[in-house]
N, C-alpha and C. Protein backbone atom coordinates (compact mmCIF):
# COMPACT_ATOMS: atom_id res chain seq x y z
N MET A 1 16.16 -43.36 -3.04
CA MET A 1 16.47 -44.71 -3.50
C MET A 1 16.81 -44.71 -4.98
N ALA A 2 16.11 -43.86 -5.77
CA ALA A 2 16.40 -43.79 -7.20
C ALA A 2 17.83 -43.33 -7.43
N GLY A 3 18.25 -42.31 -6.68
CA GLY A 3 19.61 -41.80 -6.85
C GLY A 3 20.66 -42.76 -6.34
N ALA A 4 20.41 -43.37 -5.18
CA ALA A 4 21.39 -44.26 -4.58
C ALA A 4 21.60 -45.51 -5.44
N LEU A 5 20.52 -46.15 -5.84
CA LEU A 5 20.64 -47.36 -6.65
C LEU A 5 21.01 -47.02 -8.09
N GLY A 6 20.43 -45.95 -8.62
CA GLY A 6 20.75 -45.56 -9.99
C GLY A 6 22.22 -45.28 -10.19
N ALA A 7 22.87 -44.69 -9.19
CA ALA A 7 24.30 -44.40 -9.30
C ALA A 7 25.11 -45.68 -9.46
N HIS A 8 24.74 -46.74 -8.73
CA HIS A 8 25.43 -48.03 -8.88
C HIS A 8 25.27 -48.55 -10.31
N TRP A 9 24.06 -48.45 -10.83
CA TRP A 9 23.79 -49.03 -12.15
C TRP A 9 24.45 -48.23 -13.26
N VAL A 10 24.57 -46.93 -13.07
CA VAL A 10 25.32 -46.12 -14.04
C VAL A 10 26.79 -46.55 -14.04
N ARG A 11 27.36 -46.73 -12.85
CA ARG A 11 28.77 -47.15 -12.76
C ARG A 11 28.98 -48.52 -13.36
N ALA A 12 27.94 -49.37 -13.31
CA ALA A 12 28.05 -50.72 -13.86
C ALA A 12 27.88 -50.74 -15.37
N GLY A 13 27.59 -49.60 -15.97
CA GLY A 13 27.49 -49.52 -17.42
C GLY A 13 26.09 -49.58 -17.99
N HIS A 14 25.07 -49.56 -17.13
CA HIS A 14 23.70 -49.57 -17.62
C HIS A 14 23.30 -48.18 -18.12
N GLU A 15 22.44 -48.15 -19.12
CA GLU A 15 21.86 -46.89 -19.58
C GLU A 15 20.63 -46.59 -18.72
N VAL A 16 20.78 -45.62 -17.84
CA VAL A 16 19.73 -45.30 -16.87
C VAL A 16 18.99 -44.05 -17.31
N THR A 17 17.67 -44.11 -17.28
CA THR A 17 16.83 -42.95 -17.53
C THR A 17 16.09 -42.60 -16.26
N VAL A 18 16.19 -41.37 -15.82
CA VAL A 18 15.50 -40.90 -14.62
C VAL A 18 14.18 -40.27 -15.04
N GLY A 19 13.09 -40.74 -14.47
CA GLY A 19 11.78 -40.17 -14.75
C GLY A 19 11.17 -39.60 -13.49
N GLY A 20 10.39 -38.56 -13.62
CA GLY A 20 9.76 -37.97 -12.45
C GLY A 20 8.56 -37.13 -12.81
N ARG A 21 7.72 -36.89 -11.82
CA ARG A 21 6.57 -36.01 -12.01
C ARG A 21 7.04 -34.56 -12.15
N ASP A 22 8.19 -34.24 -11.56
CA ASP A 22 8.80 -32.91 -11.66
C ASP A 22 10.00 -33.03 -12.59
N GLY A 23 9.88 -32.49 -13.79
CA GLY A 23 10.93 -32.62 -14.80
C GLY A 23 12.26 -32.02 -14.37
N LYS A 24 12.23 -30.91 -13.64
CA LYS A 24 13.46 -30.26 -13.20
C LYS A 24 14.20 -31.13 -12.18
N LYS A 25 13.45 -31.73 -11.27
CA LYS A 25 14.08 -32.62 -10.28
C LYS A 25 14.68 -33.84 -10.96
N ALA A 26 13.96 -34.38 -11.94
CA ALA A 26 14.47 -35.54 -12.67
C ALA A 26 15.76 -35.19 -13.40
N ALA A 27 15.81 -33.99 -13.98
CA ALA A 27 17.01 -33.56 -14.70
C ALA A 27 18.18 -33.39 -13.75
N ARG A 28 17.94 -32.84 -12.56
CA ARG A 28 19.02 -32.65 -11.60
C ARG A 28 19.56 -33.98 -11.11
N LEU A 29 18.66 -34.92 -10.84
CA LEU A 29 19.10 -36.24 -10.38
C LEU A 29 19.87 -36.95 -11.48
N ALA A 30 19.39 -36.87 -12.71
CA ALA A 30 20.09 -37.52 -13.82
C ALA A 30 21.50 -36.96 -13.97
N GLU A 31 21.65 -35.66 -13.84
CA GLU A 31 22.97 -35.04 -13.95
C GLU A 31 23.88 -35.48 -12.80
N ARG A 32 23.30 -35.57 -11.62
CA ARG A 32 24.11 -35.90 -10.44
C ARG A 32 24.67 -37.32 -10.52
N ILE A 33 23.90 -38.26 -11.02
CA ILE A 33 24.37 -39.66 -11.05
C ILE A 33 24.97 -40.05 -12.40
N GLY A 34 24.89 -39.14 -13.36
CA GLY A 34 25.45 -39.45 -14.68
C GLY A 34 24.56 -40.31 -15.53
N ALA A 35 23.24 -40.21 -15.34
CA ALA A 35 22.31 -41.02 -16.11
C ALA A 35 22.33 -40.62 -17.58
N ALA A 36 21.94 -41.57 -18.43
CA ALA A 36 21.98 -41.33 -19.87
C ALA A 36 20.92 -40.34 -20.31
N ALA A 37 19.77 -40.31 -19.59
CA ALA A 37 18.66 -39.46 -20.02
C ALA A 37 17.73 -39.20 -18.85
N HIS A 38 16.80 -38.28 -19.06
CA HIS A 38 15.75 -38.00 -18.08
C HIS A 38 14.50 -37.62 -18.85
N GLY A 39 13.37 -37.72 -18.17
CA GLY A 39 12.11 -37.39 -18.83
C GLY A 39 10.94 -37.59 -17.90
N SER A 40 9.78 -37.78 -18.48
CA SER A 40 8.56 -38.01 -17.71
C SER A 40 8.56 -39.43 -17.14
N LEU A 41 7.59 -39.69 -16.28
CA LEU A 41 7.46 -41.05 -15.76
C LEU A 41 7.18 -42.04 -16.88
N ALA A 42 6.34 -41.66 -17.81
CA ALA A 42 6.02 -42.56 -18.93
C ALA A 42 7.24 -42.83 -19.80
N GLU A 43 8.06 -41.80 -20.03
CA GLU A 43 9.26 -41.98 -20.85
C GLU A 43 10.25 -42.90 -20.15
N ALA A 44 10.40 -42.75 -18.85
CA ALA A 44 11.32 -43.61 -18.10
C ALA A 44 10.79 -45.04 -18.05
N ALA A 45 9.48 -45.19 -17.84
CA ALA A 45 8.89 -46.52 -17.75
C ALA A 45 9.04 -47.31 -19.04
N GLY A 46 9.10 -46.61 -20.18
CA GLY A 46 9.19 -47.30 -21.45
C GLY A 46 10.58 -47.37 -22.03
N SER A 47 11.61 -47.01 -21.23
CA SER A 47 12.94 -46.86 -21.82
C SER A 47 13.90 -48.02 -21.56
N GLY A 48 13.57 -48.92 -20.65
CA GLY A 48 14.54 -49.97 -20.32
C GLY A 48 13.88 -51.30 -20.06
N ASP A 49 14.72 -52.30 -19.79
CA ASP A 49 14.20 -53.63 -19.48
C ASP A 49 13.61 -53.71 -18.08
N ALA A 50 14.18 -52.91 -17.16
CA ALA A 50 13.72 -52.92 -15.77
C ALA A 50 13.42 -51.50 -15.33
N VAL A 51 12.41 -51.36 -14.49
CA VAL A 51 11.98 -50.06 -13.98
C VAL A 51 11.97 -50.13 -12.46
N LEU A 52 12.67 -49.19 -11.82
CA LEU A 52 12.65 -49.09 -10.36
C LEU A 52 11.54 -48.14 -9.95
N LEU A 53 10.60 -48.63 -9.16
CA LEU A 53 9.52 -47.81 -8.65
C LEU A 53 9.95 -47.27 -7.29
N ALA A 54 10.43 -46.03 -7.27
CA ALA A 54 10.93 -45.42 -6.03
C ALA A 54 9.97 -44.31 -5.62
N LEU A 55 8.77 -44.72 -5.23
CA LEU A 55 7.72 -43.80 -4.82
C LEU A 55 7.11 -44.27 -3.51
N PRO A 56 6.53 -43.36 -2.73
CA PRO A 56 5.93 -43.76 -1.46
C PRO A 56 4.78 -44.75 -1.65
N TYR A 57 4.53 -45.52 -0.62
CA TYR A 57 3.42 -46.47 -0.65
C TYR A 57 2.11 -45.73 -0.93
N GLY A 58 1.30 -46.29 -1.79
CA GLY A 58 0.03 -45.67 -2.16
C GLY A 58 0.16 -44.84 -3.42
N VAL A 59 1.19 -44.00 -3.47
CA VAL A 59 1.43 -43.18 -4.67
C VAL A 59 1.83 -44.08 -5.83
N GLY A 60 2.73 -45.02 -5.57
CA GLY A 60 3.22 -45.90 -6.63
C GLY A 60 2.11 -46.69 -7.28
N GLU A 61 1.16 -47.14 -6.49
CA GLU A 61 0.04 -47.92 -7.03
C GLU A 61 -0.77 -47.09 -8.03
N ARG A 62 -1.02 -45.83 -7.68
CA ARG A 62 -1.79 -44.96 -8.58
C ARG A 62 -0.99 -44.64 -9.85
N VAL A 63 0.32 -44.44 -9.68
CA VAL A 63 1.16 -44.08 -10.83
C VAL A 63 1.24 -45.23 -11.83
N VAL A 64 1.51 -46.44 -11.35
CA VAL A 64 1.67 -47.55 -12.30
C VAL A 64 0.36 -47.87 -13.01
N ALA A 65 -0.77 -47.59 -12.38
CA ALA A 65 -2.05 -47.81 -13.03
C ALA A 65 -2.18 -46.93 -14.27
N GLU A 66 -1.52 -45.78 -14.24
CA GLU A 66 -1.56 -44.86 -15.38
C GLU A 66 -0.48 -45.18 -16.42
N LEU A 67 0.42 -46.12 -16.07
CA LEU A 67 1.56 -46.44 -16.95
C LEU A 67 1.51 -47.87 -17.46
N GLN A 68 0.32 -48.44 -17.51
CA GLN A 68 0.22 -49.86 -17.88
C GLN A 68 0.78 -50.14 -19.26
N VAL A 69 0.58 -49.24 -20.21
CA VAL A 69 1.06 -49.48 -21.58
C VAL A 69 2.59 -49.51 -21.65
N PRO A 70 3.31 -48.47 -21.15
CA PRO A 70 4.78 -48.54 -21.23
C PRO A 70 5.38 -49.62 -20.34
N LEU A 71 4.67 -50.02 -19.28
CA LEU A 71 5.22 -51.02 -18.36
C LEU A 71 4.97 -52.46 -18.82
N ALA A 72 4.13 -52.64 -19.80
CA ALA A 72 3.77 -54.00 -20.24
C ALA A 72 5.02 -54.77 -20.68
N GLY A 73 5.22 -55.94 -20.09
CA GLY A 73 6.34 -56.80 -20.44
C GLY A 73 7.64 -56.45 -19.75
N ARG A 74 7.65 -55.40 -18.97
CA ARG A 74 8.90 -54.97 -18.31
C ARG A 74 8.97 -55.49 -16.88
N VAL A 75 10.18 -55.51 -16.36
CA VAL A 75 10.40 -55.88 -14.96
C VAL A 75 10.21 -54.64 -14.12
N LEU A 76 9.35 -54.72 -13.11
CA LEU A 76 9.04 -53.58 -12.24
C LEU A 76 9.52 -53.91 -10.83
N VAL A 77 10.53 -53.18 -10.38
CA VAL A 77 11.15 -53.43 -9.07
C VAL A 77 10.50 -52.52 -8.04
N ASP A 78 9.87 -53.13 -7.04
CA ASP A 78 9.20 -52.38 -5.98
C ASP A 78 10.07 -52.39 -4.73
N CYS A 79 10.54 -51.20 -4.33
CA CYS A 79 11.40 -51.11 -3.14
C CYS A 79 10.72 -50.38 -1.99
N CYS A 80 9.42 -50.11 -2.12
CA CYS A 80 8.75 -49.30 -1.09
C CYS A 80 8.44 -50.13 0.15
N ASN A 81 8.24 -49.42 1.25
CA ASN A 81 7.83 -50.05 2.50
C ASN A 81 6.53 -49.41 2.97
N PRO A 82 5.46 -50.19 3.12
CA PRO A 82 4.19 -49.65 3.58
C PRO A 82 4.18 -49.48 5.10
N VAL A 83 5.01 -48.57 5.58
CA VAL A 83 5.17 -48.35 7.02
C VAL A 83 4.72 -46.93 7.35
N GLY A 84 3.81 -46.80 8.31
CA GLY A 84 3.26 -45.50 8.66
C GLY A 84 3.71 -45.03 10.03
N GLU A 85 2.97 -44.09 10.57
CA GLU A 85 3.29 -43.51 11.87
C GLU A 85 3.35 -44.60 12.94
N GLY A 86 4.36 -44.49 13.81
CA GLY A 86 4.53 -45.50 14.84
C GLY A 86 5.03 -46.82 14.29
N PHE A 87 5.62 -46.79 13.09
CA PHE A 87 6.16 -47.98 12.43
C PHE A 87 5.07 -49.03 12.18
N ARG A 88 3.86 -48.56 11.96
CA ARG A 88 2.71 -49.44 11.73
C ARG A 88 2.73 -49.93 10.29
N LEU A 89 2.47 -51.22 10.11
CA LEU A 89 2.39 -51.82 8.78
C LEU A 89 1.04 -51.46 8.17
N LEU A 90 1.05 -50.65 7.12
CA LEU A 90 -0.18 -50.09 6.55
C LEU A 90 -0.99 -51.12 5.79
N THR A 91 -0.39 -52.23 5.42
CA THR A 91 -1.11 -53.26 4.64
C THR A 91 -1.67 -54.36 5.53
N ARG A 92 -1.60 -54.21 6.81
CA ARG A 92 -2.03 -55.27 7.71
C ARG A 92 -3.48 -55.68 7.43
N GLY A 93 -3.68 -56.96 7.22
CA GLY A 93 -5.01 -57.47 6.93
C GLY A 93 -5.40 -57.40 5.47
N GLY A 94 -4.50 -56.89 4.62
CA GLY A 94 -4.81 -56.78 3.20
C GLY A 94 -3.65 -57.24 2.35
N PRO A 95 -3.74 -57.05 1.03
CA PRO A 95 -2.66 -57.46 0.13
C PRO A 95 -1.37 -56.70 0.41
N ALA A 96 -0.24 -57.33 0.11
CA ALA A 96 1.05 -56.67 0.24
C ALA A 96 1.14 -55.50 -0.73
N ALA A 97 2.01 -54.56 -0.43
CA ALA A 97 2.22 -53.42 -1.33
C ALA A 97 2.63 -53.91 -2.72
N ALA A 98 3.51 -54.90 -2.77
CA ALA A 98 3.97 -55.43 -4.06
C ALA A 98 2.83 -56.07 -4.83
N ARG A 99 1.93 -56.75 -4.15
CA ARG A 99 0.78 -57.35 -4.81
C ARG A 99 -0.15 -56.27 -5.36
N ARG A 100 -0.32 -55.18 -4.64
CA ARG A 100 -1.15 -54.07 -5.11
C ARG A 100 -0.54 -53.46 -6.38
N ILE A 101 0.79 -53.35 -6.38
CA ILE A 101 1.48 -52.84 -7.56
C ILE A 101 1.25 -53.77 -8.75
N ALA A 102 1.39 -55.06 -8.51
CA ALA A 102 1.20 -56.04 -9.58
C ALA A 102 -0.23 -56.01 -10.12
N ASP A 103 -1.20 -55.83 -9.25
CA ASP A 103 -2.59 -55.76 -9.68
C ASP A 103 -2.87 -54.49 -10.49
N ALA A 104 -2.16 -53.40 -10.13
CA ALA A 104 -2.35 -52.13 -10.83
C ALA A 104 -1.67 -52.11 -12.20
N ALA A 105 -0.65 -52.94 -12.36
CA ALA A 105 0.07 -53.04 -13.65
C ALA A 105 0.20 -54.50 -14.01
N PRO A 106 -0.90 -55.15 -14.41
CA PRO A 106 -0.89 -56.61 -14.62
C PRO A 106 0.03 -57.09 -15.74
N GLY A 107 0.46 -56.21 -16.62
CA GLY A 107 1.35 -56.63 -17.70
C GLY A 107 2.81 -56.61 -17.32
N ALA A 108 3.13 -56.08 -16.15
CA ALA A 108 4.53 -55.99 -15.69
C ALA A 108 4.88 -57.20 -14.84
N HIS A 109 6.19 -57.49 -14.74
CA HIS A 109 6.68 -58.58 -13.90
C HIS A 109 7.28 -57.95 -12.63
N VAL A 110 6.51 -57.97 -11.54
CA VAL A 110 6.90 -57.26 -10.32
C VAL A 110 7.84 -58.11 -9.48
N VAL A 111 8.91 -57.49 -9.00
CA VAL A 111 9.85 -58.12 -8.07
C VAL A 111 10.02 -57.19 -6.88
N LYS A 112 9.82 -57.73 -5.69
CA LYS A 112 10.06 -56.97 -4.46
C LYS A 112 11.54 -57.09 -4.11
N ALA A 113 12.20 -55.95 -3.90
CA ALA A 113 13.65 -55.98 -3.62
C ALA A 113 14.09 -54.63 -3.05
N PHE A 114 15.25 -54.63 -2.42
CA PHE A 114 15.91 -53.40 -1.94
C PHE A 114 15.10 -52.66 -0.86
N ASN A 115 14.21 -53.34 -0.14
CA ASN A 115 13.35 -52.62 0.81
C ASN A 115 13.79 -52.73 2.26
N LEU A 116 14.84 -53.47 2.55
CA LEU A 116 15.21 -53.68 3.95
C LEU A 116 16.19 -52.64 4.49
N CYS A 117 16.81 -51.85 3.61
CA CYS A 117 17.85 -50.92 4.07
C CYS A 117 17.53 -49.49 3.67
N HIS A 118 18.00 -48.57 4.49
CA HIS A 118 17.85 -47.14 4.22
C HIS A 118 18.66 -46.76 2.99
N GLU A 119 18.26 -45.68 2.34
CA GLU A 119 18.97 -45.25 1.13
C GLU A 119 20.45 -44.98 1.39
N ASP A 120 20.81 -44.57 2.61
CA ASP A 120 22.23 -44.30 2.91
C ASP A 120 23.07 -45.57 2.77
N THR A 121 22.48 -46.72 3.08
CA THR A 121 23.19 -47.98 2.89
C THR A 121 23.52 -48.18 1.42
N TRP A 122 22.58 -47.84 0.56
CA TRP A 122 22.78 -48.05 -0.88
C TRP A 122 23.71 -47.01 -1.48
N ARG A 123 24.05 -45.98 -0.74
CA ARG A 123 25.03 -45.01 -1.24
C ARG A 123 26.47 -45.50 -1.03
N LEU A 124 26.62 -46.55 -0.23
CA LEU A 124 27.96 -47.12 -0.03
C LEU A 124 28.40 -47.83 -1.30
N ASP A 125 29.69 -47.78 -1.57
CA ASP A 125 30.21 -48.39 -2.80
C ASP A 125 31.44 -49.25 -2.49
N PRO A 126 31.20 -50.56 -2.25
CA PRO A 126 29.92 -51.28 -2.23
C PRO A 126 29.41 -51.42 -0.80
N PRO A 127 28.16 -51.90 -0.61
CA PRO A 127 27.63 -52.17 0.73
C PRO A 127 28.15 -53.51 1.26
N VAL A 128 29.40 -53.53 1.69
CA VAL A 128 30.05 -54.74 2.21
C VAL A 128 30.43 -54.47 3.66
N PHE A 129 30.12 -55.42 4.54
CA PHE A 129 30.34 -55.24 5.97
C PHE A 129 31.12 -56.43 6.51
N ASP A 130 32.29 -56.14 7.14
CA ASP A 130 33.17 -57.19 7.65
C ASP A 130 33.50 -58.21 6.57
N GLY A 131 33.68 -57.72 5.36
CA GLY A 131 34.04 -58.59 4.24
C GLY A 131 32.90 -59.37 3.63
N ARG A 132 31.69 -59.17 4.14
CA ARG A 132 30.53 -59.92 3.64
C ARG A 132 29.58 -58.99 2.90
N PRO A 133 29.36 -59.24 1.59
CA PRO A 133 28.41 -58.40 0.84
C PRO A 133 27.01 -58.53 1.43
N LEU A 134 26.28 -57.45 1.40
CA LEU A 134 24.90 -57.44 1.86
C LEU A 134 24.06 -58.37 0.99
N ALA A 135 23.20 -59.15 1.62
CA ALA A 135 22.27 -60.02 0.89
C ALA A 135 20.96 -59.27 0.68
N VAL A 136 20.41 -59.36 -0.53
CA VAL A 136 19.19 -58.65 -0.88
C VAL A 136 18.11 -59.67 -1.22
N PRO A 137 17.09 -59.84 -0.35
CA PRO A 137 16.01 -60.78 -0.65
C PRO A 137 15.18 -60.32 -1.84
N LEU A 138 14.81 -61.27 -2.69
CA LEU A 138 13.98 -60.99 -3.86
C LEU A 138 12.73 -61.86 -3.82
N CYS A 139 11.57 -61.26 -4.05
CA CYS A 139 10.32 -62.00 -4.16
C CYS A 139 9.70 -61.71 -5.52
N GLY A 140 9.40 -62.75 -6.28
CA GLY A 140 8.79 -62.56 -7.59
C GLY A 140 8.38 -63.89 -8.18
N ASP A 141 7.54 -63.83 -9.21
CA ASP A 141 7.00 -65.05 -9.81
C ASP A 141 7.60 -65.39 -11.17
N ASP A 142 8.30 -64.44 -11.78
CA ASP A 142 8.85 -64.65 -13.12
C ASP A 142 10.36 -64.88 -13.03
N GLU A 143 10.82 -66.04 -13.49
CA GLU A 143 12.23 -66.40 -13.34
C GLU A 143 13.16 -65.46 -14.09
N GLN A 144 12.77 -65.06 -15.30
CA GLN A 144 13.62 -64.13 -16.04
C GLN A 144 13.70 -62.78 -15.35
N ALA A 145 12.60 -62.34 -14.77
CA ALA A 145 12.60 -61.08 -14.03
C ALA A 145 13.51 -61.18 -12.81
N LEU A 146 13.44 -62.29 -12.12
CA LEU A 146 14.29 -62.49 -10.94
C LEU A 146 15.76 -62.54 -11.34
N ASP A 147 16.07 -63.16 -12.48
CA ASP A 147 17.45 -63.20 -12.95
C ASP A 147 17.96 -61.78 -13.25
N LEU A 148 17.12 -60.97 -13.88
CA LEU A 148 17.53 -59.61 -14.22
C LEU A 148 17.75 -58.77 -12.97
N VAL A 149 16.83 -58.88 -12.01
CA VAL A 149 16.99 -58.11 -10.78
C VAL A 149 18.19 -58.63 -9.98
N GLY A 150 18.44 -59.93 -10.05
CA GLY A 150 19.63 -60.48 -9.42
C GLY A 150 20.90 -59.86 -9.98
N GLU A 151 20.92 -59.63 -11.29
CA GLU A 151 22.05 -58.96 -11.92
C GLU A 151 22.20 -57.54 -11.40
N LEU A 152 21.08 -56.85 -11.27
CA LEU A 152 21.11 -55.48 -10.74
C LEU A 152 21.60 -55.45 -9.30
N VAL A 153 21.23 -56.47 -8.53
CA VAL A 153 21.73 -56.58 -7.15
C VAL A 153 23.24 -56.74 -7.15
N ARG A 154 23.74 -57.64 -7.98
CA ARG A 154 25.19 -57.86 -8.04
C ARG A 154 25.92 -56.60 -8.52
N ASP A 155 25.27 -55.80 -9.35
CA ASP A 155 25.89 -54.56 -9.81
C ASP A 155 26.03 -53.52 -8.71
N THR A 156 25.33 -53.70 -7.59
CA THR A 156 25.51 -52.82 -6.44
C THR A 156 26.62 -53.33 -5.51
N GLY A 157 27.16 -54.52 -5.82
CA GLY A 157 28.16 -55.13 -4.95
C GLY A 157 27.55 -56.05 -3.91
N CYS A 158 26.26 -56.36 -4.06
CA CYS A 158 25.55 -57.19 -3.09
C CYS A 158 25.24 -58.57 -3.67
N ARG A 159 24.58 -59.39 -2.87
CA ARG A 159 24.28 -60.77 -3.26
C ARG A 159 22.78 -60.99 -3.27
N PRO A 160 22.21 -61.43 -4.40
CA PRO A 160 20.77 -61.70 -4.43
C PRO A 160 20.43 -62.95 -3.62
N LEU A 161 19.30 -62.89 -2.93
CA LEU A 161 18.86 -64.00 -2.08
C LEU A 161 17.42 -64.31 -2.44
N SER A 162 17.18 -65.52 -2.93
CA SER A 162 15.83 -65.91 -3.33
C SER A 162 14.94 -66.07 -2.09
N ALA A 163 13.85 -65.29 -2.06
CA ALA A 163 12.95 -65.33 -0.91
C ALA A 163 11.56 -65.83 -1.29
N GLY A 164 11.41 -66.42 -2.49
CA GLY A 164 10.15 -67.01 -2.87
C GLY A 164 9.36 -66.16 -3.85
N GLY A 165 8.11 -66.56 -4.05
CA GLY A 165 7.25 -65.87 -4.99
C GLY A 165 6.73 -64.55 -4.46
N LEU A 166 5.95 -63.87 -5.28
CA LEU A 166 5.43 -62.57 -4.87
C LEU A 166 4.46 -62.70 -3.70
N ASP A 167 3.91 -63.89 -3.49
CA ASP A 167 3.03 -64.11 -2.35
C ASP A 167 3.77 -63.96 -1.03
N ARG A 168 5.10 -64.03 -1.05
CA ARG A 168 5.90 -63.88 0.17
C ARG A 168 6.38 -62.44 0.37
N ALA A 169 6.02 -61.54 -0.54
CA ALA A 169 6.42 -60.14 -0.38
C ALA A 169 5.84 -59.54 0.89
N ALA A 170 4.66 -60.00 1.30
CA ALA A 170 4.06 -59.49 2.54
C ALA A 170 4.96 -59.78 3.74
N LEU A 171 5.60 -60.95 3.75
CA LEU A 171 6.52 -61.29 4.84
C LEU A 171 7.74 -60.38 4.80
N LEU A 172 8.24 -60.09 3.61
CA LEU A 172 9.39 -59.21 3.47
C LEU A 172 9.06 -57.79 3.93
N GLU A 173 7.87 -57.32 3.60
CA GLU A 173 7.44 -55.99 4.02
C GLU A 173 7.23 -55.93 5.53
N ALA A 174 6.68 -57.00 6.11
CA ALA A 174 6.49 -57.03 7.56
C ALA A 174 7.84 -57.08 8.28
N THR A 175 8.79 -57.81 7.69
CA THR A 175 10.14 -57.84 8.26
C THR A 175 10.76 -56.45 8.26
N ALA A 176 10.56 -55.72 7.16
CA ALA A 176 11.09 -54.35 7.08
C ALA A 176 10.47 -53.47 8.16
N ALA A 177 9.17 -53.60 8.40
CA ALA A 177 8.51 -52.80 9.42
C ALA A 177 9.12 -53.08 10.80
N LEU A 178 9.36 -54.35 11.10
CA LEU A 178 9.95 -54.72 12.38
C LEU A 178 11.38 -54.20 12.51
N VAL A 179 12.17 -54.41 11.46
CA VAL A 179 13.56 -54.00 11.49
C VAL A 179 13.69 -52.48 11.60
N ILE A 180 12.86 -51.76 10.87
CA ILE A 180 12.90 -50.30 10.95
C ILE A 180 12.55 -49.82 12.35
N GLN A 181 11.54 -50.45 12.95
CA GLN A 181 11.17 -50.07 14.32
C GLN A 181 12.32 -50.31 15.29
N LEU A 182 12.98 -51.46 15.16
CA LEU A 182 14.09 -51.78 16.07
C LEU A 182 15.26 -50.83 15.86
N TRP A 183 15.63 -50.62 14.60
CA TRP A 183 16.79 -49.79 14.31
C TRP A 183 16.53 -48.32 14.61
N VAL A 184 15.43 -47.81 14.05
CA VAL A 184 15.16 -46.37 14.13
C VAL A 184 14.42 -46.01 15.41
N GLY A 185 13.38 -46.78 15.73
CA GLY A 185 12.56 -46.44 16.88
C GLY A 185 13.19 -46.77 18.22
N GLU A 186 13.86 -47.91 18.29
CA GLU A 186 14.40 -48.38 19.55
C GLU A 186 15.92 -48.26 19.65
N GLY A 187 16.58 -48.02 18.54
CA GLY A 187 18.04 -47.94 18.56
C GLY A 187 18.70 -49.29 18.84
N GLU A 188 18.01 -50.37 18.49
CA GLU A 188 18.52 -51.72 18.74
C GLU A 188 19.21 -52.27 17.50
N ASP A 189 20.12 -53.21 17.71
CA ASP A 189 20.81 -53.88 16.62
C ASP A 189 19.95 -55.06 16.16
N ALA A 190 19.20 -54.87 15.08
CA ALA A 190 18.30 -55.92 14.61
C ALA A 190 19.05 -57.17 14.18
N GLN A 191 20.30 -57.03 13.71
CA GLN A 191 21.07 -58.19 13.29
C GLN A 191 21.35 -59.14 14.45
N ALA A 192 21.31 -58.63 15.67
CA ALA A 192 21.61 -59.47 16.82
C ALA A 192 20.54 -60.52 17.09
N MET A 193 19.40 -60.43 16.39
CA MET A 193 18.33 -61.42 16.58
C MET A 193 18.70 -62.77 16.00
N LEU A 194 19.58 -62.79 14.99
CA LEU A 194 19.82 -64.02 14.24
C LEU A 194 21.21 -64.58 14.53
N PRO A 195 21.30 -65.88 14.81
CA PRO A 195 22.60 -66.50 15.04
C PRO A 195 23.31 -66.75 13.71
N PRO A 196 24.60 -67.04 13.75
CA PRO A 196 25.29 -67.44 12.51
C PRO A 196 24.65 -68.70 11.94
N LEU A 197 24.78 -68.90 10.65
CA LEU A 197 24.15 -70.03 9.99
C LEU A 197 24.57 -71.35 10.61
N ALA A 198 25.84 -71.46 10.97
CA ALA A 198 26.34 -72.71 11.55
C ALA A 198 25.68 -73.05 12.88
N ALA A 199 25.11 -72.04 13.54
CA ALA A 199 24.49 -72.26 14.86
C ALA A 199 22.98 -72.30 14.79
N SER A 200 22.41 -72.36 13.57
CA SER A 200 20.96 -72.38 13.44
C SER A 200 20.51 -73.70 12.81
N GLY A 201 19.24 -74.03 13.00
CA GLY A 201 18.68 -75.21 12.36
C GLY A 201 18.71 -76.44 13.24
N PRO A 202 18.20 -77.56 12.74
CA PRO A 202 18.06 -78.80 13.52
C PRO A 202 19.37 -79.33 14.07
N ALA A 203 20.44 -79.23 13.27
CA ALA A 203 21.72 -79.76 13.72
C ALA A 203 22.20 -79.03 14.96
N ALA A 204 22.03 -77.70 14.96
CA ALA A 204 22.45 -76.92 16.12
C ALA A 204 21.60 -77.29 17.33
N SER A 205 20.28 -77.51 17.11
CA SER A 205 19.41 -77.88 18.21
C SER A 205 19.82 -79.21 18.82
N GLY A 206 20.23 -80.14 17.95
CA GLY A 206 20.66 -81.44 18.45
C GLY A 206 21.90 -81.33 19.30
N ARG A 207 22.85 -80.50 18.90
CA ARG A 207 24.08 -80.35 19.68
C ARG A 207 23.76 -79.72 21.04
N ALA A 208 22.81 -78.75 21.02
CA ALA A 208 22.50 -78.08 22.27
C ALA A 208 21.85 -79.05 23.25
N ALA A 209 21.06 -80.01 22.71
CA ALA A 209 20.38 -80.97 23.58
C ALA A 209 21.37 -81.92 24.20
């Protein structure tokens, strides 16, 4: 996800710094996408206005807890999915992954985004299907943070979609678990669940009656 999304942001003219626990891997990724710099996780966390957390569920929470100082005041984009074996939602009955991240780094402005699609989708330039840009739901509580992440979404060629506050991130993560199960586990077209906008809602129900 770091490479796929980072490549879009480099092309859009952003100064991207790749950080990693393995310095050699970070350097290779930075070279591959044309990033401006690479370094440690702390160096990357303190280098820009927004930080993409592209780490597995559970790992990210521990990492950001160690990076509270460089992350203070920054926008922290959480794209992880807490999905385990059998497409099980690992946060069931507890706080959302994004909420856990926010609690671990209370000085950061967390926005849940980019979690509904596989990294291969984000490697497309741009992710447009049948002439319609992909919509990217965003959940967050800080308006300026949401505006900044919305800009990053548009820089991928997609359209930001307001999905509410961070309290709704649990719904977004549960949606991802269901969609992943249908697409990957069952080989089903998850998009077929939803009718076109013109055919949904009270007006459509009235016509059907």
